PDB file of N, CA and C in Angstrom:
ATOM      1  N   MET A   1     -40.011  63.580 -31.748  1.00  0.00           N
ATOM      2  CA  MET A   1     -40.939  62.907 -30.873  1.00  0.00           C
ATOM      3  C   MET A   1     -42.277  63.623 -30.804  1.00  0.00           C
ATOM      4  N   GLY A   2     -42.313  64.924 -31.057  1.00  0.00           N
ATOM      5  CA  GLY A   2     -43.568  65.655 -30.997  1.00  0.00           C
ATOM      6  C   GLY A   2     -43.783  66.307 -29.641  1.00  0.00           C
ATOM      7  N   ASN A   3     -44.849  67.028 -29.553  1.00  0.00           N
ATOM      8  CA  ASN A   3     -45.192  67.757 -28.336  1.00  0.00           C
ATOM      9  C   ASN A   3     -46.025  66.873 -27.413  1.00  0.00           C
ATOM     10  N   PRO A   4     -45.507  66.491 -26.226  1.00  0.00           N
ATOM     11  CA  PRO A   4     -46.264  65.609 -25.336  1.00  0.00           C
ATOM     12  C   PRO A   4     -47.545  66.242 -24.815  1.00  0.00           C
ATOM     13  N   THR A   5     -47.556  67.571 -24.646  1.00  0.00           N
ATOM     14  CA  THR A   5     -48.773  68.234 -24.191  1.00  0.00           C
ATOM     15  C   THR A   5     -49.857  68.131 -25.249  1.00  0.00           C
ATOM     16  N   ALA A   6     -49.499  68.365 -26.508  1.00  0.00           N
ATOM     17  CA  ALA A   6     -50.464  68.254 -27.596  1.00  0.00           C
ATOM     18  C   ALA A   6     -50.979  66.824 -27.701  1.00  0.00           C
ATOM     19  N   ALA A   7     -50.100  65.854 -27.530  1.00  0.00           N
ATOM     20  CA  ALA A   7     -50.518  64.449 -27.573  1.00  0.00           C
ATOM     21  C   ALA A   7     -51.499  64.138 -26.444  1.00  0.00           C
ATOM     22  N   PHE A   8     -51.251  64.698 -25.265  1.00  0.00           N
ATOM     23  CA  PHE A   8     -52.150  64.496 -24.135  1.00  0.00           C
ATOM     24  C   PHE A   8     -53.538  65.044 -24.441  1.00  0.00           C
ATOM     25  N   PHE A   9     -53.596  66.264 -25.009  1.00  0.00           N
ATOM     26  CA  PHE A   9     -54.885  66.857 -25.341  1.00  0.00           C
ATOM     27  C   PHE A   9     -55.605  66.061 -26.429  1.00  0.00           C
ATOM     28  N   GLU A  10     -54.864  65.540 -27.367  1.00  0.00           N
ATOM     29  CA  GLU A  10     -55.484  64.698 -28.394  1.00  0.00           C
ATOM     30  C   GLU A  10     -56.090  63.440 -27.782  1.00  0.00           C
ATOM     31  N   ARG A  11     -55.384  62.842 -26.828  1.00  0.00           N
ATOM     32  CA  ARG A  11     -55.905  61.652 -26.144  1.00  0.00           C
ATOM     33  C   ARG A  11     -57.179  61.987 -25.365  1.00  0.00           C
ATOM     34  N   LEU A  12     -57.196  63.143 -24.719  1.00  0.00           N
ATOM     35  CA  LEU A  12     -58.404  63.564 -24.003  1.00  0.00           C
ATOM     36  C   LEU A  12     -59.585  63.681 -24.954  1.00  0.00           C
ATOM     37  N   LYS A  13     -59.346  64.256 -26.127  1.00  0.00           N
ATOM     38  CA  LYS A  13     -60.418  64.383 -27.119  1.00  0.00           C
ATOM     39  C   LYS A  13     -60.935  63.021 -27.559  1.00  0.00           C
ATOM     40  N   GLU A  14     -60.026  62.049 -27.700  1.00  0.00           N
ATOM     41  CA  GLU A  14     -60.437  60.682 -28.052  1.00  0.00           C
ATOM     42  C   GLU A  14     -61.354  60.093 -26.990  1.00  0.00           C
ATOM     43  N   TRP A  15     -61.131  60.468 -25.740  1.00  0.00           N
ATOM     44  CA  TRP A  15     -61.947  59.966 -24.627  1.00  0.00           C
ATOM     45  C   TRP A  15     -63.218  60.789 -24.436  1.00  0.00           C
ATOM     46  N   GLY A  16     -63.412  61.797 -25.279  1.00  0.00           N
ATOM     47  CA  GLY A  16     -64.600  62.630 -25.184  1.00  0.00           C
ATOM     48  C   GLY A  16     -64.498  63.740 -24.147  1.00  0.00           C
ATOM     49  N   ILE A  17     -63.284  64.078 -23.758  1.00  0.00           N
ATOM     50  CA  ILE A  17     -63.065  65.130 -22.760  1.00  0.00           C
ATOM     51  C   ILE A  17     -62.546  66.365 -23.482  1.00  0.00           C
ATOM     52  N   SER A  18     -63.231  67.477 -23.297  1.00  0.00           N
ATOM     53  CA  SER A  18     -62.819  68.723 -23.940  1.00  0.00           C
ATOM     54  C   SER A  18     -61.998  69.565 -22.978  1.00  0.00           C
ATOM     55  N   PRO A  19     -60.757  69.866 -23.324  1.00  0.00           N
ATOM     56  CA  PRO A  19     -59.956  70.725 -22.450  1.00  0.00           C
ATOM     57  C   PRO A  19     -60.489  72.154 -22.465  1.00  0.00           C
ATOM     58  N   ARG A  20     -60.357  72.820 -21.328  1.00  0.00           N
ATOM     59  CA  ARG A  20     -60.712  74.232 -21.231  1.00  0.00           C
ATOM     60  C   ARG A  20     -59.448  75.010 -20.922  1.00  0.00           C
ATOM     61  N   TYR A  21     -59.316  76.170 -21.544  1.00  0.00           N
ATOM     62  CA  TYR A  21     -58.155  77.019 -21.336  1.00  0.00           C
ATOM     63  C   TYR A  21     -58.568  78.185 -20.458  1.00  0.00           C
ATOM     64  N   ARG A  22     -57.771  78.454 -19.444  1.00  0.00           N
ATOM     65  CA  ARG A  22     -58.059  79.560 -18.541  1.00  0.00           C
ATOM     66  C   ARG A  22     -56.751  80.250 -18.187  1.00  0.00           C
ATOM     67  N   PRO A  23     -56.620  81.527 -18.520  1.00  0.00           N
ATOM     68  CA  PRO A  23     -55.411  82.236 -18.126  1.00  0.00           C
ATOM     69  C   PRO A  23     -55.376  82.386 -16.601  1.00  0.00           C
ATOM     70  N   ILE A  24     -54.223  82.189 -16.035  1.00  0.00           N
ATOM     71  CA  ILE A  24     -54.043  82.310 -14.590  1.00  0.00           C
ATOM     72  C   ILE A  24     -52.936  83.321 -14.352  1.00  0.00           C
ATOM     73  N   GLY A  25     -53.225  84.296 -13.544  1.00  0.00           N
ATOM     74  CA  GLY A  25     -52.253  85.341 -13.253  1.00  0.00           C
ATOM     75  C   GLY A  25     -51.247  84.921 -12.199  1.00  0.00           C
ATOM     76  N   LYS A  26     -50.311  85.789 -11.972  1.00  0.00           N
ATOM     77  CA  LYS A  26     -49.265  85.575 -10.980  1.00  0.00           C
ATOM     78  C   LYS A  26     -49.869  85.605  -9.571  1.00  0.00           C
ATOM     79  N   ASP A  27     -49.308  84.773  -8.695  1.00  0.00           N
ATOM     80  CA  ASP A  27     -49.641  84.781  -7.271  1.00  0.00           C
ATOM     81  C   ASP A  27     -51.093  84.381  -6.990  1.00  0.00           C
ATOM     82  N   GLN A  28     -51.551  83.299  -7.623  1.00  0.00           N
ATOM     83  CA  GLN A  28     -52.900  82.783  -7.382  1.00  0.00           C
ATOM     84  C   GLN A  28     -52.830  81.373  -6.828  1.00  0.00           C
ATOM     85  N   LEU A  29     -53.667  81.104  -5.834  1.00  0.00           N
ATOM     86  CA  LEU A  29     -53.794  79.749  -5.307  1.00  0.00           C
ATOM     87  C   LEU A  29     -54.763  78.998  -6.204  1.00  0.00           C
ATOM     88  N   LEU A  30     -54.308  77.906  -6.798  1.00  0.00           N
ATOM     89  CA  LEU A  30     -55.137  77.139  -7.727  1.00  0.00           C
ATOM     90  C   LEU A  30     -55.933  76.054  -7.021  1.00  0.00           C
ATOM     91  N   PHE A  31     -55.314  75.401  -6.044  1.00  0.00           N
ATOM     92  CA  PHE A  31     -56.023  74.438  -5.215  1.00  0.00           C
ATOM     93  C   PHE A  31     -55.239  74.174  -3.944  1.00  0.00           C
ATOM     94  N   ALA A  32     -55.911  73.535  -2.988  1.00  0.00           N
ATOM     95  CA  ALA A  32     -55.311  73.233  -1.686  1.00  0.00           C
ATOM     96  C   ALA A  32     -55.559  71.763  -1.348  1.00  0.00           C
ATOM     97  N   PRO A  33     -54.781  71.214  -0.416  1.00  0.00           N
ATOM     98  CA  PRO A  33     -54.972  69.821  -0.023  1.00  0.00           C
ATOM     99  C   PRO A  33     -56.395  69.552   0.466  1.00  0.00           C
ATOM    100  N   LYS A  34     -56.869  68.384   0.137  1.00  0.00           N
ATOM    101  CA  LYS A  34     -58.183  67.869   0.538  1.00  0.00           C
ATOM    102  C   LYS A  34     -59.350  68.484  -0.221  1.00  0.00           C
ATOM    103  N   GLU A  35     -59.082  69.413  -1.152  1.00  0.00           N
ATOM    104  CA  GLU A  35     -60.155  69.898  -2.023  1.00  0.00           C
ATOM    105  C   GLU A  35     -60.436  68.822  -3.061  1.00  0.00           C
ATOM    106  N   PRO A  36     -61.698  68.650  -3.474  1.00  0.00           N
ATOM    107  CA  PRO A  36     -61.991  67.676  -4.524  1.00  0.00           C
ATOM    108  C   PRO A  36     -61.186  68.002  -5.785  1.00  0.00           C
ATOM    109  N   ALA A  37     -60.534  67.007  -6.332  1.00  0.00           N
ATOM    110  CA  ALA A  37     -59.712  67.199  -7.529  1.00  0.00           C
ATOM    111  C   ALA A  37     -60.613  67.139  -8.756  1.00  0.00           C
ATOM    112  N   THR A  38     -60.841  68.281  -9.357  1.00  0.00           N
ATOM    113  CA  THR A  38     -61.755  68.358 -10.491  1.00  0.00           C
ATOM    114  C   THR A  38     -61.084  68.745 -11.802  1.00  0.00           C
ATOM    115  N   PHE A  39     -59.860  69.255 -11.732  1.00  0.00           N
ATOM    116  CA  PHE A  39     -59.175  69.686 -12.946  1.00  0.00           C
ATOM    117  C   PHE A  39     -57.739  69.180 -12.977  1.00  0.00           C
ATOM    118  N   VAL A  40     -57.290  68.826 -14.164  1.00  0.00           N
ATOM    119  CA  VAL A  40     -55.884  68.570 -14.439  1.00  0.00           C
ATOM    120  C   VAL A  40     -55.378  69.831 -15.130  1.00  0.00           C
ATOM    121  N   PHE A  41     -54.221  70.296 -14.745  1.00  0.00           N
ATOM    122  CA  PHE A  41     -53.667  71.540 -15.278  1.00  0.00           C
ATOM    123  C   PHE A  41     -52.440  71.251 -16.133  1.00  0.00           C
ATOM    124  N   VAL A  42     -52.251  72.067 -17.167  1.00  0.00           N
ATOM    125  CA  VAL A  42     -51.033  72.058 -17.970  1.00  0.00           C
ATOM    126  C   VAL A  42     -50.548  73.509 -18.040  1.00  0.00           C
ATOM    127  N   VAL A  43     -49.316  73.723 -17.666  1.00  0.00           N
ATOM    128  CA  VAL A  43     -48.746  75.073 -17.690  1.00  0.00           C
ATOM    129  C   VAL A  43     -48.403  75.425 -19.129  1.00  0.00           C
ATOM    130  N   GLN A  44     -49.042  76.466 -19.649  1.00  0.00           N
ATOM    131  CA  GLN A  44     -48.718  76.910 -21.008  1.00  0.00           C
ATOM    132  C   GLN A  44     -47.564  77.899 -20.986  1.00  0.00           C
ATOM    133  N   HIS A  45     -47.531  78.761 -19.983  1.00  0.00           N
ATOM    134  CA  HIS A  45     -46.451  79.733 -19.813  1.00  0.00           C
ATOM    135  C   HIS A  45     -46.308  79.994 -18.322  1.00  0.00           C
ATOM    136  N   GLY A  46     -45.105  80.186 -17.868  1.00  0.00           N
ATOM    137  CA  GLY A  46     -44.889  80.547 -16.478  1.00  0.00           C
ATOM    138  C   GLY A  46     -44.476  79.375 -15.614  1.00  0.00           C
ATOM    139  N   CYS A  47     -44.776  79.501 -14.313  1.00  0.00           N
ATOM    140  CA  CYS A  47     -44.310  78.518 -13.341  1.00  0.00           C
ATOM    141  C   CYS A  47     -45.333  78.376 -12.211  1.00  0.00           C
ATOM    142  N   VAL A  48     -45.518  77.152 -11.749  1.00  0.00           N
ATOM    143  CA  VAL A  48     -46.414  76.860 -10.633  1.00  0.00           C
ATOM    144  C   VAL A  48     -45.632  76.076  -9.590  1.00  0.00           C
ATOM    145  N   ARG A  49     -45.821  76.440  -8.332  1.00  0.00           N
ATOM    146  CA  ARG A  49     -45.155  75.758  -7.222  1.00  0.00           C
ATOM    147  C   ARG A  49     -46.170  74.857  -6.511  1.00  0.00           C
ATOM    148  N   LEU A  50     -45.841  73.575  -6.390  1.00  0.00           N
ATOM    149  CA  LEU A  50     -46.654  72.643  -5.614  1.00  0.00           C
ATOM    150  C   LEU A  50     -45.955  72.446  -4.280  1.00  0.00           C
ATOM    151  N   TYR A  51     -46.690  72.605  -3.192  1.00  0.00           N
ATOM    152  CA  TYR A  51     -46.061  72.494  -1.875  1.00  0.00           C
ATOM    153  C   TYR A  51     -47.056  71.969  -0.842  1.00  0.00           C
ATOM    154  N   ARG A  52     -46.517  71.505   0.246  1.00  0.00           N
ATOM    155  CA  ARG A  52     -47.291  71.074   1.409  1.00  0.00           C
ATOM    156  C   ARG A  52     -46.819  71.882   2.598  1.00  0.00           C
ATOM    157  N   ARG A  53     -47.555  71.824   3.664  1.00  0.00           N
ATOM    158  CA  ARG A  53     -47.156  72.464   4.924  1.00  0.00           C
ATOM    159  C   ARG A  53     -46.568  71.402   5.839  1.00  0.00           C
ATOM    160  N   GLY A  54     -45.377  71.666   6.360  1.00  0.00           N
ATOM    161  CA  GLY A  54     -44.740  70.756   7.304  1.00  0.00           C
ATOM    162  C   GLY A  54     -45.419  70.838   8.660  1.00  0.00           C
ATOM    163  N   GLN A  55     -44.963  70.036   9.586  1.00  0.00           N
ATOM    164  CA  GLN A  55     -45.571  69.977  10.906  1.00  0.00           C
ATOM    165  C   GLN A  55     -45.566  71.321  11.627  1.00  0.00           C
ATOM    166  N   GLN A  56     -44.594  72.146  11.353  1.00  0.00           N
ATOM    167  CA  GLN A  56     -44.521  73.446  12.015  1.00  0.00           C
ATOM    168  C   GLN A  56     -45.005  74.578  11.113  1.00  0.00           C
ATOM    169  N   GLY A  57     -45.761  74.231  10.074  1.00  0.00           N
ATOM    170  CA  GLY A  57     -46.357  75.229   9.200  1.00  0.00           C
ATOM    171  C   GLY A  57     -45.479  75.750   8.086  1.00  0.00           C
ATOM    172  N   ARG A  58     -44.255  75.255   7.993  1.00  0.00           N
ATOM    173  CA  ARG A  58     -43.349  75.722   6.943  1.00  0.00           C
ATOM    174  C   ARG A  58     -43.687  75.050   5.617  1.00  0.00           C
ATOM    175  N   GLU A  59     -43.476  75.789   4.539  1.00  0.00           N
ATOM    176  CA  GLU A  59     -43.706  75.242   3.204  1.00  0.00           C
ATOM    177  C   GLU A  59     -42.619  74.238   2.844  1.00  0.00           C
ATOM    178  N   VAL A  60     -43.053  73.112   2.300  1.00  0.00           N
ATOM    179  CA  VAL A  60     -42.132  72.104   1.782  1.00  0.00           C
ATOM    180  C   VAL A  60     -42.484  71.933   0.307  1.00  0.00           C
ATOM    181  N   VAL A  61     -41.595  72.387  -0.574  1.00  0.00           N
ATOM    182  CA  VAL A  61     -41.877  72.318  -2.008  1.00  0.00           C
ATOM    183  C   VAL A  61     -41.829  70.865  -2.468  1.00  0.00           C
ATOM    184  N   VAL A  62     -42.895  70.449  -3.127  1.00  0.00           N
ATOM    185  CA  VAL A  62     -43.005  69.095  -3.665  1.00  0.00           C
ATOM    186  C   VAL A  62     -42.474  69.065  -5.088  1.00  0.00           C
ATOM    187  N   ARG A  63     -42.802  70.119  -5.852  1.00  0.00           N
ATOM    188  CA  ARG A  63     -42.436  70.128  -7.264  1.00  0.00           C
ATOM    189  C   ARG A  63     -42.610  71.528  -7.844  1.00  0.00           C
ATOM    190  N   TRP A  64     -41.765  71.870  -8.780  1.00  0.00           N
ATOM    191  CA  TRP A  64     -41.921  73.079  -9.582  1.00  0.00           C
ATOM    192  C   TRP A  64     -42.413  72.639 -10.955  1.00  0.00           C
ATOM    193  N   CYS A  65     -43.414  73.316 -11.482  1.00  0.00           N
ATOM    194  CA  CYS A  65     -43.952  72.982 -12.804  1.00  0.00           C
ATOM    195  C   CYS A  65     -43.763  74.185 -13.723  1.00  0.00           C
ATOM    196  N   GLY A  66     -43.132  73.940 -14.854  1.00  0.00           N
ATOM    197  CA  GLY A  66     -42.914  74.985 -15.847  1.00  0.00           C
ATOM    198  C   GLY A  66     -43.691  74.696 -17.115  1.00  0.00           C
ATOM    199  N   THR A  67     -43.419  75.459 -18.136  1.00  0.00           N
ATOM    200  CA  THR A  67     -44.114  75.332 -19.416  1.00  0.00           C
ATOM    201  C   THR A  67     -44.147  73.887 -19.893  1.00  0.00           C
ATOM    202  N   GLY A  68     -45.362  73.416 -20.186  1.00  0.00           N
ATOM    203  CA  GLY A  68     -45.559  72.053 -20.687  1.00  0.00           C
ATOM    204  C   GLY A  68     -45.777  71.005 -19.606  1.00  0.00           C
ATOM    205  N   HIS A  69     -45.573  71.364 -18.344  1.00  0.00           N
ATOM    206  CA  HIS A  69     -45.748  70.394 -17.265  1.00  0.00           C
ATOM    207  C   HIS A  69     -47.218  70.224 -16.892  1.00  0.00           C
ATOM    208  N   LEU A  70     -47.553  69.021 -16.535  1.00  0.00           N
ATOM    209  CA  LEU A  70     -48.894  68.636 -16.122  1.00  0.00           C
ATOM    210  C   LEU A  70     -48.901  68.497 -14.604  1.00  0.00           C
ATOM    211  N   PHE A  71     -49.979  68.954 -13.967  1.00  0.00           N
ATOM    212  CA  PHE A  71     -50.131  68.735 -12.520  1.00  0.00           C
ATOM    213  C   PHE A  71     -51.615  68.666 -12.184  1.00  0.00           C
ATOM    214  N   GLY A  72     -51.920  68.208 -10.995  1.00  0.00           N
ATOM    215  CA  GLY A  72     -53.312  67.999 -10.606  1.00  0.00           C
ATOM    216  C   GLY A  72     -53.840  66.658 -11.085  1.00  0.00           C
ATOM    217  N   GLU A  73     -52.920  65.704 -11.266  1.00  0.00           N
ATOM    218  CA  GLU A  73     -53.288  64.387 -11.799  1.00  0.00           C
ATOM    219  C   GLU A  73     -54.294  63.649 -10.919  1.00  0.00           C
ATOM    220  N   GLU A  74     -54.449  64.086  -9.674  1.00  0.00           N
ATOM    221  CA  GLU A  74     -55.419  63.459  -8.787  1.00  0.00           C
ATOM    222  C   GLU A  74     -56.827  63.472  -9.395  1.00  0.00           C
ATOM    223  N   ALA A  75     -57.102  64.452 -10.247  1.00  0.00           N
ATOM    224  CA  ALA A  75     -58.420  64.546 -10.884  1.00  0.00           C
ATOM    225  C   ALA A  75     -58.709  63.345 -11.779  1.00  0.00           C
ATOM    226  N   LEU A  76     -57.664  62.704 -12.269  1.00  0.00           N
ATOM    227  CA  LEU A  76     -57.862  61.537 -13.133  1.00  0.00           C
ATOM    228  C   LEU A  76     -58.373  60.327 -12.353  1.00  0.00           C
ATOM    229  N   THR A  77     -58.152  60.334 -11.052  1.00  0.00           N
ATOM    230  CA  THR A  77     -58.595  59.206 -10.227  1.00  0.00           C
ATOM    231  C   THR A  77     -59.782  59.565  -9.345  1.00  0.00           C
ATOM    232  N   GLY A  78     -60.240  60.813  -9.442  1.00  0.00           N
ATOM    233  CA  GLY A  78     -61.410  61.230  -8.684  1.00  0.00           C
ATOM    234  C   GLY A  78     -61.168  61.365  -7.192  1.00  0.00           C
ATOM    235  N   THR A  79     -59.949  61.684  -6.792  1.00  0.00           N
ATOM    236  CA  THR A  79     -59.640  61.834  -5.376  1.00  0.00           C
ATOM    237  C   THR A  79     -59.573  63.317  -5.015  1.00  0.00           C
ATOM    238  N   VAL A  80     -58.832  63.643  -3.984  1.00  0.00           N
ATOM    239  CA  VAL A  80     -58.630  65.038  -3.578  1.00  0.00           C
ATOM    240  C   VAL A  80     -57.197  65.437  -3.895  1.00  0.00           C
ATOM    241  N   TYR A  81     -56.973  66.743  -3.995  1.00  0.00           N
ATOM    242  CA  TYR A  81     -55.617  67.218  -4.215  1.00  0.00           C
ATOM    243  C   TYR A  81     -54.776  66.957  -2.976  1.00  0.00           C
ATOM    244  N   GLN A  82     -53.495  66.665  -3.176  1.00  0.00           N
ATOM    245  CA  GLN A  82     -52.595  66.312  -2.087  1.00  0.00           C
ATOM    246  C   GLN A  82     -51.685  67.461  -1.652  1.00  0.00           C
ATOM    247  N   SER A  83     -51.688  68.549  -2.395  1.00  0.00           N
ATOM    248  CA  SER A  83     -50.779  69.660  -2.091  1.00  0.00           C
ATOM    249  C   SER A  83     -51.457  70.981  -2.447  1.00  0.00           C
ATOM    250  N   PHE A  84     -50.769  72.056  -2.147  1.00  0.00           N
ATOM    251  CA  PHE A  84     -51.173  73.383  -2.612  1.00  0.00           C
ATOM    252  C   PHE A  84     -50.564  73.590  -3.996  1.00  0.00           C
ATOM    253  N   ALA A  85     -51.251  74.320  -4.854  1.00  0.00           N
ATOM    254  CA  ALA A  85     -50.703  74.736  -6.147  1.00  0.00           C
ATOM    255  C   ALA A  85     -50.839  76.257  -6.215  1.00  0.00           C
ATOM    256  N   HIS A  86     -49.708  76.920  -6.436  1.00  0.00           N
ATOM    257  CA  HIS A  86     -49.676  78.377  -6.395  1.00  0.00           C
ATOM    258  C   HIS A  86     -48.921  78.894  -7.613  1.00  0.00           C
ATOM    259  N   SER A  87     -49.555  79.775  -8.394  1.00  0.00           N
ATOM    260  CA  SER A  87     -48.876  80.313  -9.572  1.00  0.00           C
ATOM    261  C   SER A  87     -47.796  81.302  -9.125  1.00  0.00           C
ATOM    262  N   VAL A  88     -46.650  81.175  -9.738  1.00  0.00           N
ATOM    263  CA  VAL A  88     -45.521  82.030  -9.395  1.00  0.00           C
ATOM    264  C   VAL A  88     -45.326  83.102 -10.461  1.00  0.00           C
ATOM    265  N   THR A  89     -45.376  82.708 -11.715  1.00  0.00           N
ATOM    266  CA  THR A  89     -45.254  83.670 -12.820  1.00  0.00           C
ATOM    267  C   THR A  89     -46.275  83.374 -13.874  1.00  0.00           C
TER     268      THR A  89
END
């Protein structure tokens, strides 16, 4: 079937969008809710935790993203991010 991440990047190039690569270290906040969504992310290595804060301030994990996973799709629609994204490894 091929690599879906590579296919995604090829499609972006067809649309005239150039992907940028940025290494992200462990334990970094990538974005927070209500921030303008400007980037779509693809995990090349490691793990990212997407979470929201519950009514009493507790973390509620929305999704775990590992190698090859895409997140931050809100940027494709020009909205704001809906969750926190935090690099774990």
